[in-house]
Amino acid sequence: LWIEAASYEFFGFTNPDTGEVYGGGSMQGARVLMQRGLRINIASQDLWIQYFCLELHYIQKLRGRREILQLSSQKDSEEMFFTDAPIPTIVYKNAIDAIPCDVSFRMKFLDICSSFPQTDKIEQVITKSIEDDFSNKPEAWIAKAMYVAEKEKSQKNNDGKDIRTGFIVVHSESYQQPSKKQRISKSLPVLKILKEAVKMLPIGDMYLRAIQYARLYMNQNPETQDDIQKFVDKLFDEIDFDNLTSELIIEQSAYLAAYGRVEKAIQCCKDFLMSNPKDIPASLQMAKLLKINLEIPEAIAELRRCLNHVPLNDPHYMKVLLEFFGAMLGSECPLSELKTIFEKILLLAPNNNPTFESIFGVGSVAEACLRYLHKSSDKEAIKGAICAVVESSTYCDCAKDKSGREIEMMVVFFEKASNELSASRSDKHRDRIIYRLFDKAIHFFKGCDPDLSDIYRE
C-alpha cells in the first residue's frame, strides 16, 4: 500500500481509456510516504528496495531533464550527485543497518542498479559491503548462489514480458535454454559463485555446503548434470586432508555410490577411518556401503570394530549397537551371541534410547525387542526373550518419552508375546511370565492408550 501510494505521487496514474494522467511529479510526496512506511515497517525488504529504486529514478529523471535542456554542469557537486548517487547510497546503508544478516537482500540492490545507467560507484559500495560482512560465512555464499539460481528460474518463467512492481520494472528477453556447447564455453553463474566461495574460504564447511548445493541445483536442473559432476569431482580432489570431516566423507561416498562407484566410496571411508577410527558417522556410512555392495560379513566386522573403539558413554554408542544387532540378526550368528548383545541393549536402554532410520532394520530398542522375539525359534528361547524384556529391563515400564513408532512396535511385541505364551503348555513358570507381561503392558499403555491398558488389565 505504501509503495503504491508513493508510486502514484511520483509517476501519477494514466487512465487506460482516456489516456489522461492524474497526479504524479511529486518526489517530495513520494519520499515522505516511503519514509513513513519504513518507520512503521523497518524490517520490510520490499519497502527498502523500492525506496532505493525511487531515488535512482529521481536521479535518472534529473539527468534526462539536463540532457533535454542541454545544460552543462558547472559544479563538481552537481556532477557527483549523478555519478556517486549519495542519497541512494544512504538509503542502502540504512537498509543494511535495519536488515544486517541477509546477503540475498543486498544482492537485490545490485540487481536494481543494473537497470539504471552510471551506477558503478554505488555498485562498488554494495559489493564491498557484501565482501566485508559475508566473505567468511559459508551460509552467506550459499545464499548468494541460491539468489542467482532463483533469478535464473524467474527469467525462465517470464516469457519476455516487462513486469512493473512499484518503482521496479524488469525488462526481460524471452529465455532460451543454452545449448551444450554454450554451457561448456560459459560456466554456469551458480558454479562461478561456488568456485569463488571455496577460493575465498577454503575450509571443510564451505566445501561441504558448496557440494551439497551444487548437487541440489543439479537435481532441480537436470540439463546441468555434466557440468555439475565435473565441478563436484574437482572440488573433492581439491580438499586438503586437514579439512576432511566425517560430513565431507559421507557426502563424497554418497555421491560416488549414487553414480555406481561404490568400491571407490568404500575406499574413501576406509582411508578416512584409518586416521579417525572413532568416527561413528563415517563408520556407519561404511557399513551402509558394504551392505549395498552385498558385503555383509565385512559390514559386521566394521560395526564390531567401531564398538571396540567407542566408549559406552558415547551418545552414539547405542545407535552402532542397534545396527550391529540388526546386522547379526540377518547373519548365521549363534543365538547365544545374539542374547548377549540384546541384554546389553536392554541394559543401556533407560539412558540411551535413539530412534532412527536403520541400515539393518533395527532403528529403536522396541524394534530390537520385536525382532529378537521373531528370531527366537523354540519355546524356551521365546520365554527367555520375553523375560529379558519384562523382568531384566525397565525399558517398558512406561511409554513416556517414546516415539509413536516405538509405541507401535511395543503394541505388536506385547500382542505377539501374549499369543506365544498363551499357545504354550500351562505351568507355574509360564503363568508367572504372562502375569508379569500383562502387568508391564498395563503400566506401559496407561499414559498413551488407556483402552489398551484396560484390555490387558481384564
Protein backbone atom coordinates (compact mmCIF):
# COMPACT_ATOMS: atom_id res chain seq x y z
CA LEU A 1 0.00 0.00 0.00
CA TRP A 2 2.81 2.44 0.91
CA ILE A 3 4.63 1.57 -2.32
CA GLU A 4 1.54 2.08 -4.49
CA ALA A 5 0.77 5.41 -2.81
CA ALA A 6 4.35 6.65 -3.32
CA SER A 7 4.31 5.40 -6.92
CA TYR A 8 1.16 7.47 -7.54
CA GLU A 9 2.88 10.56 -6.11
CA PHE A 10 5.92 10.11 -8.38
CA PHE A 11 4.55 8.58 -11.59
CA GLY A 12 0.88 9.50 -11.36
CA PHE A 13 -1.89 7.36 -12.83
CA THR A 14 -2.77 7.02 -16.51
CA ASN A 15 -6.39 6.30 -17.35
CA PRO A 16 -6.26 3.43 -19.87
CA ASP A 17 -9.49 4.56 -21.54
CA THR A 18 -8.84 8.28 -22.00
CA GLY A 19 -5.05 8.43 -21.74
CA GLU A 20 -5.31 11.23 -19.18
CA VAL A 21 -2.63 11.38 -16.48
CA TYR A 22 -3.63 12.11 -12.89
CA GLY A 23 -1.22 13.15 -10.17
CA GLY A 24 2.50 12.42 -10.36
CA GLY A 25 5.59 14.61 -10.37
CA SER A 26 5.97 14.94 -6.61
CA MET A 27 9.27 13.49 -5.42
CA GLN A 28 8.79 15.10 -2.03
CA GLY A 29 5.41 13.39 -1.54
CA ALA A 30 6.80 10.04 -2.67
CA ARG A 31 9.73 10.32 -0.24
CA VAL A 32 7.50 11.23 2.68
CA LEU A 33 5.27 8.21 2.07
CA MET A 34 8.20 5.78 1.73
CA GLN A 35 9.84 7.13 4.89
CA ARG A 36 6.57 6.86 6.86
CA GLY A 37 6.15 3.30 5.62
CA LEU A 38 9.67 2.43 6.75
CA ARG A 39 9.18 3.92 10.20
CA ILE A 40 6.26 1.53 10.67
CA ASN A 41 7.78 -1.44 8.78
CA ILE A 42 11.52 -1.03 9.28
CA ALA A 43 12.23 -4.71 8.53
CA SER A 44 10.32 -4.72 5.21
CA GLN A 45 12.74 -5.66 2.44
CA ASP A 46 10.29 -4.57 -0.28
CA LEU A 47 9.98 -1.06 1.15
CA TRP A 48 13.76 -0.57 1.37
CA ILE A 49 14.36 -1.85 -2.15
CA GLN A 50 11.54 0.24 -3.62
CA TYR A 51 12.76 3.36 -1.81
CA PHE A 52 16.26 2.75 -3.18
CA CYS A 53 14.76 2.35 -6.66
CA LEU A 54 12.73 5.55 -6.26
CA GLU A 55 15.90 7.58 -5.58
CA LEU A 56 17.59 6.11 -8.66
CA HIS A 57 14.51 7.00 -10.75
CA TYR A 58 14.76 10.57 -9.48
CA ILE A 59 18.45 10.83 -10.45
CA GLN A 60 17.64 9.45 -13.88
CA LYS A 61 14.79 11.94 -14.25
CA LEU A 62 17.06 14.89 -13.40
CA ARG A 63 19.76 13.55 -15.74
CA GLY A 64 17.24 13.29 -18.57
CA ARG A 65 15.97 16.82 -17.92
CA ARG A 66 19.52 18.18 -18.03
CA GLU A 67 20.22 16.44 -21.34
CA ILE A 68 16.97 17.66 -22.92
CA LEU A 69 17.66 21.26 -21.88
CA GLN A 70 21.29 20.81 -22.96
CA LEU A 71 22.59 22.13 -19.67
CA SER A 72 26.20 21.59 -18.70
CA SER A 73 27.14 21.02 -15.08
CA GLN A 74 29.09 23.97 -13.74
CA LYS A 75 29.78 22.49 -10.32
CA ASP A 76 31.61 19.34 -9.29
CA SER A 77 28.98 18.76 -6.59
CA GLU A 78 26.23 18.58 -9.23
CA GLU A 79 28.19 16.01 -11.24
CA MET A 80 28.85 13.99 -8.10
CA PHE A 81 25.10 13.90 -7.44
CA PHE A 82 24.65 11.97 -10.70
CA THR A 83 27.72 9.71 -10.55
CA ASP A 84 28.09 8.99 -6.82
CA ALA A 85 24.33 8.70 -6.10
CA PRO A 86 24.73 9.87 -2.49
CA ILE A 87 21.07 9.60 -1.50
CA PRO A 88 20.57 6.03 -2.81
CA THR A 89 23.83 5.15 -1.03
CA ILE A 90 22.44 6.48 2.25
CA VAL A 91 19.22 4.51 1.69
CA TYR A 92 21.25 1.33 1.10
CA LYS A 93 23.37 1.82 4.24
CA ASN A 94 20.28 2.43 6.37
CA ALA A 95 18.68 -0.66 4.83
CA ILE A 96 21.57 -2.96 5.78
CA ASP A 97 21.64 -1.46 9.27
CA ALA A 98 17.98 -2.45 9.61
CA ILE A 99 18.45 -5.88 7.98
CA PRO A 100 22.13 -6.76 8.55
CA CYS A 101 22.38 -10.53 8.12
CA ASP A 102 20.74 -11.27 4.76
CA VAL A 103 23.12 -11.46 1.80
CA SER A 104 20.34 -12.12 -0.73
CA PHE A 105 18.74 -8.83 0.38
CA ARG A 106 21.91 -6.97 -0.60
CA MET A 107 22.09 -8.82 -3.91
CA LYS A 108 18.70 -7.38 -4.82
CA PHE A 109 20.17 -3.86 -4.66
CA LEU A 110 22.81 -4.88 -7.19
CA ASP A 111 20.05 -6.12 -9.50
CA ILE A 112 18.26 -2.77 -9.23
CA CYS A 113 21.47 -0.95 -10.14
CA SER A 114 21.78 -2.99 -13.33
CA SER A 115 18.53 -1.40 -14.55
CA PHE A 116 19.95 2.14 -14.35
CA PRO A 117 22.92 3.83 -16.10
CA GLN A 118 26.08 5.09 -14.39
CA THR A 119 25.66 3.22 -11.10
CA ASP A 120 29.26 1.91 -10.93
CA LYS A 121 30.16 3.68 -7.70
CA ILE A 122 27.15 2.59 -5.72
CA GLU A 123 27.61 -0.96 -7.05
CA GLN A 124 31.14 -0.86 -5.64
CA VAL A 125 29.74 0.19 -2.25
CA ILE A 126 27.26 -2.69 -2.27
CA THR A 127 29.83 -5.25 -3.43
CA LYS A 128 32.35 -4.12 -0.81
CA SER A 129 29.76 -4.36 1.98
CA ILE A 130 28.94 -7.94 0.94
CA GLU A 131 32.63 -8.91 0.83
CA ASP A 132 33.39 -7.23 4.18
CA ASP A 133 30.43 -8.71 6.05
CA PHE A 134 29.97 -12.14 4.48
CA SER A 135 33.20 -13.38 2.87
CA ASN A 136 33.97 -15.62 5.89
CA LYS A 137 30.45 -17.09 6.26
CA PRO A 138 29.67 -20.25 4.24
CA GLU A 139 25.90 -19.81 4.62
CA ALA A 140 26.15 -16.35 3.03
CA TRP A 141 27.91 -17.71 -0.05
CA ILE A 142 25.22 -20.36 -0.43
CA ALA A 143 22.51 -17.71 -0.01
CA LYS A 144 24.21 -15.77 -2.81
CA ALA A 145 24.20 -18.86 -5.07
CA MET A 146 20.56 -19.55 -4.22
CA TYR A 147 19.64 -16.00 -5.12
CA VAL A 148 21.30 -16.31 -8.54
CA ALA A 149 19.56 -19.66 -9.13
CA GLU A 150 16.20 -18.13 -8.22
CA LYS A 151 16.87 -15.27 -10.61
CA GLU A 152 17.60 -17.76 -13.41
CA LYS A 153 14.34 -19.55 -12.63
CA SER A 154 12.31 -16.33 -12.77
CA GLN A 155 13.88 -15.49 -16.15
CA LYS A 156 12.75 -18.85 -17.50
CA ASN A 157 9.19 -18.16 -16.34
CA ASN A 158 8.98 -14.53 -17.51
CA ASP A 159 8.38 -15.20 -21.25
CA GLY A 160 9.94 -11.89 -22.30
CA LYS A 161 7.31 -9.69 -20.61
CA ASP A 162 8.16 -6.42 -18.85
CA ILE A 163 6.86 -6.50 -15.30
CA ARG A 164 6.48 -3.42 -13.14
CA THR A 165 6.02 -3.55 -9.39
CA GLY A 166 6.01 -0.17 -7.70
CA PHE A 167 9.17 1.58 -8.93
CA ILE A 168 10.83 -1.59 -10.29
CA VAL A 169 10.46 -2.51 -13.95
CA VAL A 170 12.03 -5.80 -15.02
CA HIS A 171 12.94 -5.85 -18.73
CA SER A 172 13.42 -9.43 -19.86
CA GLU A 173 14.01 -11.06 -23.20
CA SER A 174 12.49 -14.46 -23.85
CA TYR A 175 14.58 -17.09 -22.10
CA GLN A 176 16.29 -19.61 -24.34
CA GLN A 177 17.78 -22.82 -22.98
CA PRO A 178 21.57 -22.65 -23.59
CA SER A 179 22.98 -25.34 -25.83
CA LYS A 180 25.51 -27.86 -24.51
CA LYS A 181 28.27 -26.03 -26.40
CA GLN A 182 27.27 -22.73 -24.79
CA ARG A 183 27.27 -24.32 -21.32
CA ILE A 184 30.76 -25.68 -21.85
CA SER A 185 32.12 -22.38 -23.15
CA LYS A 186 30.43 -20.32 -20.45
CA SER A 187 30.33 -21.55 -16.86
CA LEU A 188 27.02 -21.58 -15.01
CA PRO A 189 26.61 -18.43 -12.85
CA VAL A 190 25.85 -20.58 -9.79
CA LEU A 191 29.11 -22.52 -10.25
CA LYS A 192 31.06 -19.28 -10.59
CA ILE A 193 29.83 -18.20 -7.16
CA LEU A 194 30.58 -21.59 -5.59
CA LYS A 195 34.09 -21.60 -7.11
CA GLU A 196 34.71 -18.14 -5.70
CA ALA A 197 33.34 -19.27 -2.33
CA VAL A 198 35.78 -22.18 -1.88
CA LYS A 199 38.62 -20.00 -3.15
CA MET A 200 37.89 -17.25 -0.62
CA LEU A 201 37.00 -19.66 2.21
CA PRO A 202 38.88 -22.98 1.76
CA ILE A 203 37.54 -24.74 4.85
CA GLY A 204 35.69 -28.03 5.25
CA ASP A 205 32.29 -26.47 5.97
CA MET A 206 32.46 -24.30 2.85
CA TYR A 207 33.40 -27.25 0.64
CA LEU A 208 30.57 -29.32 2.14
CA ARG A 209 27.92 -26.63 1.62
CA ALA A 210 29.15 -25.88 -1.91
CA ILE A 211 28.99 -29.56 -2.90
CA GLN A 212 25.58 -30.08 -1.30
CA TYR A 213 24.11 -27.05 -3.01
CA ALA A 214 25.67 -27.96 -6.37
CA ARG A 215 24.03 -31.40 -6.17
CA LEU A 216 20.69 -29.85 -5.19
CA TYR A 217 20.95 -27.44 -8.12
CA MET A 218 21.70 -30.36 -10.45
CA ASN A 219 18.61 -32.23 -9.24
CA GLN A 220 16.48 -29.16 -9.93
CA ASN A 221 18.14 -28.57 -13.33
CA PRO A 222 18.91 -32.00 -14.87
CA GLU A 223 20.37 -30.41 -18.01
CA THR A 224 23.36 -29.23 -15.93
CA GLN A 225 24.36 -32.74 -14.80
CA ASP A 226 27.60 -32.99 -16.81
CA ASP A 227 28.85 -29.58 -15.66
CA ILE A 228 27.92 -30.17 -12.02
CA GLN A 229 29.53 -33.62 -11.88
CA LYS A 230 32.82 -32.24 -13.23
CA PHE A 231 32.64 -29.38 -10.73
CA VAL A 232 31.91 -31.67 -7.75
CA ASP A 233 34.66 -34.13 -8.74
CA LYS A 234 37.12 -31.25 -8.94
CA LEU A 235 36.09 -29.92 -5.52
CA PHE A 236 36.60 -33.31 -3.88
CA ASP A 237 40.07 -33.52 -5.45
CA GLU A 238 40.94 -30.03 -4.14
CA ILE A 239 40.03 -30.64 -0.49
CA ASP A 240 43.06 -30.60 1.76
CA PHE A 241 43.41 -33.59 4.11
CA ASP A 242 43.33 -31.27 7.14
CA ASN A 243 39.89 -30.03 6.06
CA LEU A 244 38.39 -33.51 5.76
CA THR A 245 35.47 -34.13 8.11
CA SER A 246 33.11 -37.06 8.52
CA GLU A 247 30.36 -34.94 6.94
CA LEU A 248 32.52 -34.44 3.83
CA ILE A 249 33.41 -38.13 3.65
CA ILE A 250 29.75 -39.11 3.97
CA GLU A 251 28.81 -36.61 1.25
CA GLN A 252 31.59 -37.84 -1.04
CA SER A 253 30.82 -41.53 -0.55
CA ALA A 254 27.07 -40.95 -1.04
CA TYR A 255 27.82 -39.01 -4.23
CA LEU A 256 30.11 -41.76 -5.56
CA ALA A 257 27.62 -44.50 -4.66
CA ALA A 258 24.79 -42.61 -6.38
CA TYR A 259 26.70 -42.89 -9.66
CA GLY A 260 27.68 -46.52 -9.28
CA ARG A 261 31.17 -46.03 -7.85
CA VAL A 262 30.53 -47.97 -4.64
CA GLU A 263 34.01 -49.52 -4.44
CA LYS A 264 35.64 -46.09 -4.56
CA ALA A 265 33.14 -44.81 -1.96
CA ILE A 266 34.09 -47.67 0.40
CA GLN A 267 37.78 -46.92 -0.12
CA CYS A 268 37.23 -43.24 0.76
CA CYS A 269 35.62 -44.27 4.05
CA LYS A 270 38.42 -46.77 4.79
CA ASP A 271 41.12 -44.16 4.19
CA PHE A 272 39.37 -41.68 6.47
CA LEU A 273 38.79 -44.24 9.25
CA MET A 274 42.48 -45.20 9.23
CA SER A 275 43.24 -41.83 10.82
CA ASN A 276 39.85 -41.37 12.55
CA PRO A 277 38.97 -44.82 13.96
CA LYS A 278 36.43 -43.46 16.49
CA ASP A 279 34.35 -41.53 13.95
CA ILE A 280 30.91 -43.14 14.29
CA PRO A 281 29.10 -41.41 11.35
CA ALA A 282 31.88 -42.44 8.93
CA SER A 283 31.85 -46.00 10.31
CA LEU A 284 28.07 -46.28 9.89
CA GLN A 285 28.37 -44.89 6.35
CA MET A 286 30.97 -47.53 5.51
CA ALA A 287 28.72 -50.29 6.90
CA LYS A 288 25.87 -48.97 4.77
CA LEU A 289 28.02 -49.02 1.63
CA LEU A 290 29.26 -52.53 2.40
CA LYS A 291 25.65 -53.66 2.71
CA ILE A 292 24.82 -52.03 -0.65
CA ASN A 293 27.78 -53.93 -2.10
CA LEU A 294 26.44 -57.19 -0.52
CA GLU A 295 29.48 -57.49 1.75
CA ILE A 296 27.52 -58.26 4.95
CA PRO A 297 30.37 -60.01 6.86
CA GLU A 298 32.61 -57.00 6.19
CA ALA A 299 29.85 -54.65 7.39
CA ILE A 300 29.51 -56.66 10.62
CA ALA A 301 33.28 -56.56 11.08
CA GLU A 302 33.30 -52.76 10.66
CA LEU A 303 30.50 -52.28 13.20
CA ARG A 304 32.27 -54.61 15.66
CA ARG A 305 35.49 -52.63 15.19
CA CYS A 306 33.62 -49.38 15.84
CA LEU A 307 32.07 -50.74 19.06
CA ASN A 308 35.53 -51.72 20.29
CA HIS A 309 36.85 -48.18 19.73
CA VAL A 310 33.90 -46.16 21.06
CA PRO A 311 33.26 -45.82 24.83
CA LEU A 312 29.93 -46.93 26.31
CA ASN A 313 29.07 -43.39 27.42
CA ASP A 314 29.27 -42.02 23.88
CA PRO A 315 25.77 -40.75 22.91
CA HIS A 316 26.02 -42.56 19.55
CA TYR A 317 27.14 -45.90 21.01
CA MET A 318 23.58 -47.28 21.18
CA LYS A 319 22.99 -46.46 17.52
CA VAL A 320 26.03 -48.52 16.50
CA LEU A 321 24.98 -51.33 18.86
CA LEU A 322 21.47 -51.48 17.37
CA GLU A 323 22.88 -51.52 13.83
CA PHE A 324 25.29 -54.27 14.86
CA PHE A 325 22.41 -56.25 16.39
CA GLY A 326 20.36 -55.81 13.19
CA ALA A 327 23.26 -56.99 11.04
CA MET A 328 23.83 -60.02 13.30
CA LEU A 329 20.12 -60.94 13.15
CA GLY A 330 20.46 -61.29 9.39
CA SER A 331 23.56 -63.49 9.63
CA GLU A 332 24.21 -67.04 10.81
CA CYS A 333 25.09 -65.75 14.26
CA PRO A 334 24.58 -68.18 17.21
CA LEU A 335 21.55 -67.35 19.37
CA SER A 336 23.81 -67.17 22.45
CA GLU A 337 25.76 -64.25 20.96
CA LEU A 338 22.54 -62.51 19.94
CA LYS A 339 21.26 -62.92 23.50
CA THR A 340 24.40 -61.24 24.88
CA ILE A 341 24.03 -58.27 22.51
CA PHE A 342 20.29 -57.99 23.24
CA GLU A 343 20.84 -57.95 27.00
CA LYS A 344 23.41 -55.21 26.55
CA ILE A 345 20.86 -53.16 24.57
CA LEU A 346 18.27 -53.55 27.33
CA LEU A 347 20.84 -52.63 29.98
CA LEU A 348 21.69 -49.35 28.21
CA ALA A 349 18.14 -48.56 27.04
CA PRO A 350 16.89 -46.48 30.02
CA ASN A 351 19.60 -43.81 29.48
CA ASN A 352 20.13 -44.08 25.72
CA ASN A 353 17.11 -44.72 23.54
CA PRO A 354 17.52 -43.39 19.99
CA THR A 355 15.02 -43.74 17.14
CA PHE A 356 16.39 -43.53 13.61
CA GLU A 357 16.20 -44.88 10.07
CA SER A 358 18.26 -48.05 10.37
CA ILE A 359 20.57 -49.59 7.77
CA PHE A 360 19.89 -53.10 9.05
CA GLY A 361 16.26 -52.75 10.16
CA VAL A 362 16.68 -52.11 13.90
CA GLY A 363 16.15 -48.40 14.48
CA SER A 364 14.99 -48.47 18.11
CA VAL A 365 15.08 -50.60 21.25
CA ALA A 366 11.42 -51.53 20.67
CA GLU A 367 12.31 -52.79 17.20
CA ALA A 368 15.16 -54.81 18.71
CA CYS A 369 12.71 -56.43 21.17
CA LEU A 370 10.31 -57.39 18.40
CA ARG A 371 12.99 -58.63 16.00
CA TYR A 372 14.63 -60.71 18.74
CA LEU A 373 11.27 -62.27 19.63
CA HIS A 374 10.73 -63.18 15.95
CA LYS A 375 14.23 -64.67 15.79
CA SER A 376 13.64 -66.95 18.81
CA SER A 377 12.68 -70.35 17.41
CA ASP A 378 11.80 -72.72 20.30
CA LYS A 379 9.51 -72.17 23.28
CA GLU A 380 12.29 -71.77 25.82
CA ALA A 381 14.05 -69.17 23.67
CA ILE A 382 10.77 -67.25 23.34
CA LYS A 383 10.26 -67.29 27.11
CA GLY A 384 13.84 -66.13 27.56
CA ALA A 385 13.33 -63.23 25.16
CA ILE A 386 10.13 -62.13 26.91
CA CYS A 387 11.70 -62.46 30.37
CA ALA A 388 14.64 -60.32 29.25
CA VAL A 389 12.25 -57.51 28.26
CA VAL A 390 9.74 -57.61 31.14
CA GLU A 391 11.96 -58.72 34.04
CA SER A 392 15.55 -57.69 33.30
CA SER A 393 14.88 -54.19 31.94
CA THR A 394 12.98 -51.04 32.87
CA TYR A 395 12.58 -50.07 29.18
CA CYS A 396 8.86 -50.94 29.01
CA ASP A 397 7.89 -49.58 32.43
CA CYS A 398 6.08 -46.66 30.74
CA ALA A 399 5.59 -45.06 27.31
CA LYS A 400 6.80 -41.64 28.40
CA ASP A 401 9.43 -40.06 26.07
CA LYS A 402 8.96 -42.82 23.50
CA SER A 403 8.17 -42.06 19.87
CA GLY A 404 4.96 -43.09 18.12
CA ARG A 405 6.91 -45.69 16.13
CA GLU A 406 8.33 -47.23 19.33
CA ILE A 407 4.85 -47.45 20.88
CA GLU A 408 3.51 -49.14 17.74
CA MET A 409 6.37 -51.67 17.92
CA MET A 410 5.65 -52.37 21.59
CA VAL A 411 1.94 -52.92 20.82
CA VAL A 412 2.99 -55.66 18.38
CA PHE A 413 5.57 -57.04 20.83
CA PHE A 414 3.09 -57.39 23.71
CA GLU A 415 0.48 -58.94 21.40
CA LYS A 416 2.92 -61.45 19.89
CA ALA A 417 4.44 -62.30 23.29
CA SER A 418 0.96 -62.83 24.73
CA ASN A 419 -0.05 -65.11 21.84
CA GLU A 420 3.16 -67.14 22.04
CA LEU A 421 2.83 -67.69 25.79
CA SER A 422 -0.89 -68.50 25.59
CA ALA A 423 -0.16 -71.16 22.97
CA SER A 424 2.37 -72.96 25.20
CA ARG A 425 1.58 -75.52 27.88
CA SER A 426 0.43 -74.06 31.18
CA ASP A 427 2.78 -74.25 34.13
CA LYS A 428 3.79 -72.01 37.05
CA HIS A 429 6.76 -70.53 35.18
CA ARG A 430 4.68 -69.68 32.12
CA ASP A 431 1.84 -68.22 34.22
CA ARG A 432 4.28 -66.05 36.15
CA ILE A 433 5.74 -64.68 32.90
CA ILE A 434 2.22 -63.96 31.49
CA TYR A 435 1.26 -62.16 34.71
CA ARG A 436 4.46 -60.09 34.56
CA LEU A 437 3.95 -59.37 30.85
CA PHE A 438 0.38 -58.15 31.36
CA ASP A 439 1.40 -56.07 34.36
CA LYS A 440 4.10 -54.35 32.24
CA ALA A 441 1.59 -53.79 29.42
CA ILE A 442 -0.92 -52.18 31.81
CA HIS A 443 1.66 -49.68 33.06
CA PHE A 444 3.22 -49.10 29.63
CA PHE A 445 -0.04 -48.19 27.86
CA LYS A 446 -1.62 -46.36 30.80
CA GLY A 447 -0.29 -42.98 29.66
CA CYS A 448 -0.67 -43.37 25.88
CA ASP A 449 -3.55 -45.81 25.25
CA PRO A 450 -5.82 -46.30 28.32
CA ASP A 451 -8.22 -48.57 26.39
CA LEU A 452 -5.43 -50.99 25.56
CA SER A 453 -4.23 -50.81 29.14
CA ASP A 454 -7.72 -51.81 30.31
CA ILE A 455 -7.77 -54.76 27.91
CA TYR A 456 -4.61 -56.17 29.46
CA ARG A 457 -5.99 -55.46 32.96
CA GLU A 458 -9.09 -57.52 32.15
